[in-house]
Structure formats: structure tokens, C-alpha cells
Amino acid sequence: MDEPRSPRRFGAIVIAVAALAVWPALPASAQSRAATGEKLAGRYCSQCHVIAPNGEGGWTDAPKFEDIANRPTASAAALSAFIQQPHIHMVNTGRPRGEANDLAAYIMSLRHK
């Protein structure tokens, strides 16, 4: 059995701590990001946008998420960059990068195949 202060045990602890430190930086699956993004959309976007496919509600001038996803120029990267920037007419933009990526993943999940 290893001694509590042995180099082998210390090395294993360092590796475990390093793995935990980089774990949040690893990309989440697209499905997981989209599910998180859907929850965020309900919190931040549903006051103005129709966020669900074939959903109702929202503000008449705000585009439906499904329509945004199906624009020819729509991409997760472009949407994420847009969501991260504050905009006058969109009070809930300026979201942190992780949330913006999740929202973009959700919107892009609504794209017609």
C-alpha cells in the first residue's frame, strides 16, 4: 500500500485535480447544450420571441426562433456572437459566452433538416 505522502500518490492527486480543472472547458454534447439553451430561452427570450417549434406567443416584431434557425446565413457561431452583444431592442442580450453558446445550440436545433 502506498504511503500517504508517496510520489506515486501525489502524482495521482495532481492528475485528478488537473482533470477536474479542465473538465468544465470540455465541449458539452450538442444535445445537452440545446437542452440547456431551451431552458435559458424560456427564461430570457420567451417574453418577446416564440421559442418552441410551431409555438405561439411572443411579440409580433420579434422573429420566431425556428425562423432564425432557418435563415440561410444562420450558424451557431454567428448566433452566439450576436447573443453576447448587448442590443437596444433586446434587453436580455449580452449573455455570457457559455449561455450564448447554449442558446445558439438550441436555436440551431430547430433548423429544418
Protein backbone atom coordinates (compact mmCIF):
# COMPACT_ATOMS: atom_id res chain seq x y z
CA MET A 1 0.00 0.00 0.00
CA ASP A 2 1.24 3.49 -0.82
CA GLU A 3 2.34 5.80 1.92
CA PRO A 4 0.11 8.89 2.22
CA ARG A 5 2.97 11.16 1.03
CA SER A 6 4.49 8.91 -1.61
CA PRO A 7 5.38 10.46 -5.00
CA ARG A 8 3.05 7.99 -6.74
CA ARG A 9 0.06 9.04 -4.64
CA PHE A 10 0.95 12.72 -5.02
CA GLY A 11 1.13 12.29 -8.82
CA ALA A 12 -2.31 10.67 -8.89
CA ILE A 13 -3.77 13.54 -6.88
CA VAL A 14 -2.19 16.13 -9.18
CA ILE A 15 -3.63 14.36 -12.23
CA ALA A 16 -7.09 14.16 -10.64
CA VAL A 17 -7.08 17.86 -9.71
CA ALA A 18 -5.88 18.82 -13.20
CA ALA A 19 -8.64 16.75 -14.80
CA LEU A 20 -11.26 18.46 -12.66
CA ALA A 21 -9.83 21.86 -13.55
CA VAL A 22 -10.19 21.32 -17.31
CA TRP A 23 -13.46 19.38 -17.18
CA PRO A 24 -15.72 22.48 -17.47
CA ALA A 25 -13.76 23.60 -20.52
CA LEU A 26 -14.55 20.40 -22.43
CA PRO A 27 -17.33 20.85 -25.00
CA ALA A 28 -20.73 19.59 -23.97
CA SER A 29 -22.69 17.47 -26.40
CA ALA A 30 -24.86 19.39 -28.83
CA GLN A 31 -27.96 17.76 -27.37
CA SER A 32 -27.03 18.79 -23.84
CA ARG A 33 -26.23 22.35 -24.95
CA ALA A 34 -29.55 22.58 -26.81
CA ALA A 35 -31.49 21.34 -23.76
CA THR A 36 -29.78 23.92 -21.56
CA GLY A 37 -30.36 26.57 -24.22
CA GLU A 38 -34.06 25.77 -24.33
CA LYS A 39 -34.31 26.42 -20.59
CA LEU A 40 -32.38 29.67 -20.95
CA ALA A 41 -34.64 30.72 -23.85
CA GLY A 42 -37.67 30.18 -21.63
CA ARG A 43 -36.10 32.43 -19.00
CA TYR A 44 -34.64 35.18 -21.18
CA CYS A 45 -36.25 35.15 -24.62
CA SER A 46 -39.85 33.96 -24.40
CA GLN A 47 -41.22 37.36 -23.41
CA CYS A 48 -40.65 38.51 -26.99
CA HIS A 49 -39.79 35.50 -29.19
CA VAL A 50 -41.69 32.33 -29.99
CA ILE A 51 -39.09 29.86 -28.81
CA ALA A 52 -40.78 26.49 -29.43
CA PRO A 53 -41.28 24.99 -32.88
CA ASN A 54 -44.78 25.85 -34.08
CA GLY A 55 -45.30 27.71 -30.81
CA GLU A 56 -47.41 30.75 -30.20
CA GLY A 57 -46.98 33.98 -28.29
CA GLY A 58 -44.12 36.39 -28.36
CA TRP A 59 -44.00 39.92 -29.61
CA THR A 60 -45.14 40.41 -33.19
CA ASP A 61 -41.91 42.11 -34.35
CA ALA A 62 -39.59 39.52 -32.80
CA PRO A 63 -38.73 36.65 -35.15
CA LYS A 64 -39.54 33.10 -34.16
CA PHE A 65 -36.52 31.03 -33.17
CA GLU A 66 -37.44 28.49 -35.84
CA ASP A 67 -37.35 31.23 -38.49
CA ILE A 68 -33.96 32.46 -37.22
CA ALA A 69 -32.56 28.92 -37.38
CA ASN A 70 -33.69 28.51 -40.97
CA ARG A 71 -32.14 31.70 -42.32
CA PRO A 72 -29.57 30.83 -44.98
CA THR A 73 -26.81 32.63 -43.06
CA ALA A 74 -27.67 31.21 -39.64
CA SER A 75 -24.88 29.45 -37.77
CA ALA A 76 -24.23 28.64 -34.15
CA ALA A 77 -21.11 30.83 -34.16
CA ALA A 78 -22.91 33.85 -35.62
CA LEU A 79 -25.84 33.49 -33.24
CA SER A 80 -23.59 33.09 -30.22
CA ALA A 81 -21.63 36.22 -31.16
CA PHE A 82 -24.89 38.16 -31.62
CA ILE A 83 -26.33 36.97 -28.29
CA GLN A 84 -23.16 38.01 -26.44
CA GLN A 85 -23.51 41.63 -27.58
CA PRO A 86 -25.98 44.00 -25.87
CA HIS A 87 -28.67 45.41 -28.17
CA ILE A 88 -31.12 48.23 -27.56
CA HIS A 89 -34.25 46.29 -28.50
CA MET A 90 -33.17 43.06 -26.85
CA VAL A 91 -32.78 43.58 -23.13
CA ASN A 92 -31.55 40.05 -22.41
CA THR A 93 -28.64 40.00 -24.85
CA GLY A 94 -25.15 40.43 -23.56
CA ARG A 95 -25.27 36.89 -22.14
CA PRO A 96 -22.01 35.23 -21.10
CA ARG A 97 -20.30 33.05 -23.72
CA GLY A 98 -21.45 29.72 -22.26
CA GLU A 99 -25.10 30.79 -22.14
CA ALA A 100 -24.84 32.33 -25.62
CA ASN A 101 -23.42 29.04 -26.95
CA ASP A 102 -26.25 27.08 -25.31
CA LEU A 103 -28.91 29.43 -26.69
CA ALA A 104 -27.35 29.24 -30.17
CA ALA A 105 -27.28 25.43 -29.97
CA TYR A 106 -30.98 25.39 -29.10
CA ILE A 107 -31.89 27.77 -31.90
CA MET A 108 -29.87 25.78 -34.43
CA SER A 109 -31.54 22.56 -33.23
CA LEU A 110 -34.76 23.98 -34.70
CA ARG A 111 -33.28 24.12 -38.21
CA HIS A 112 -35.17 22.04 -40.76
CA LYS A 113 -33.09 19.13 -41.95
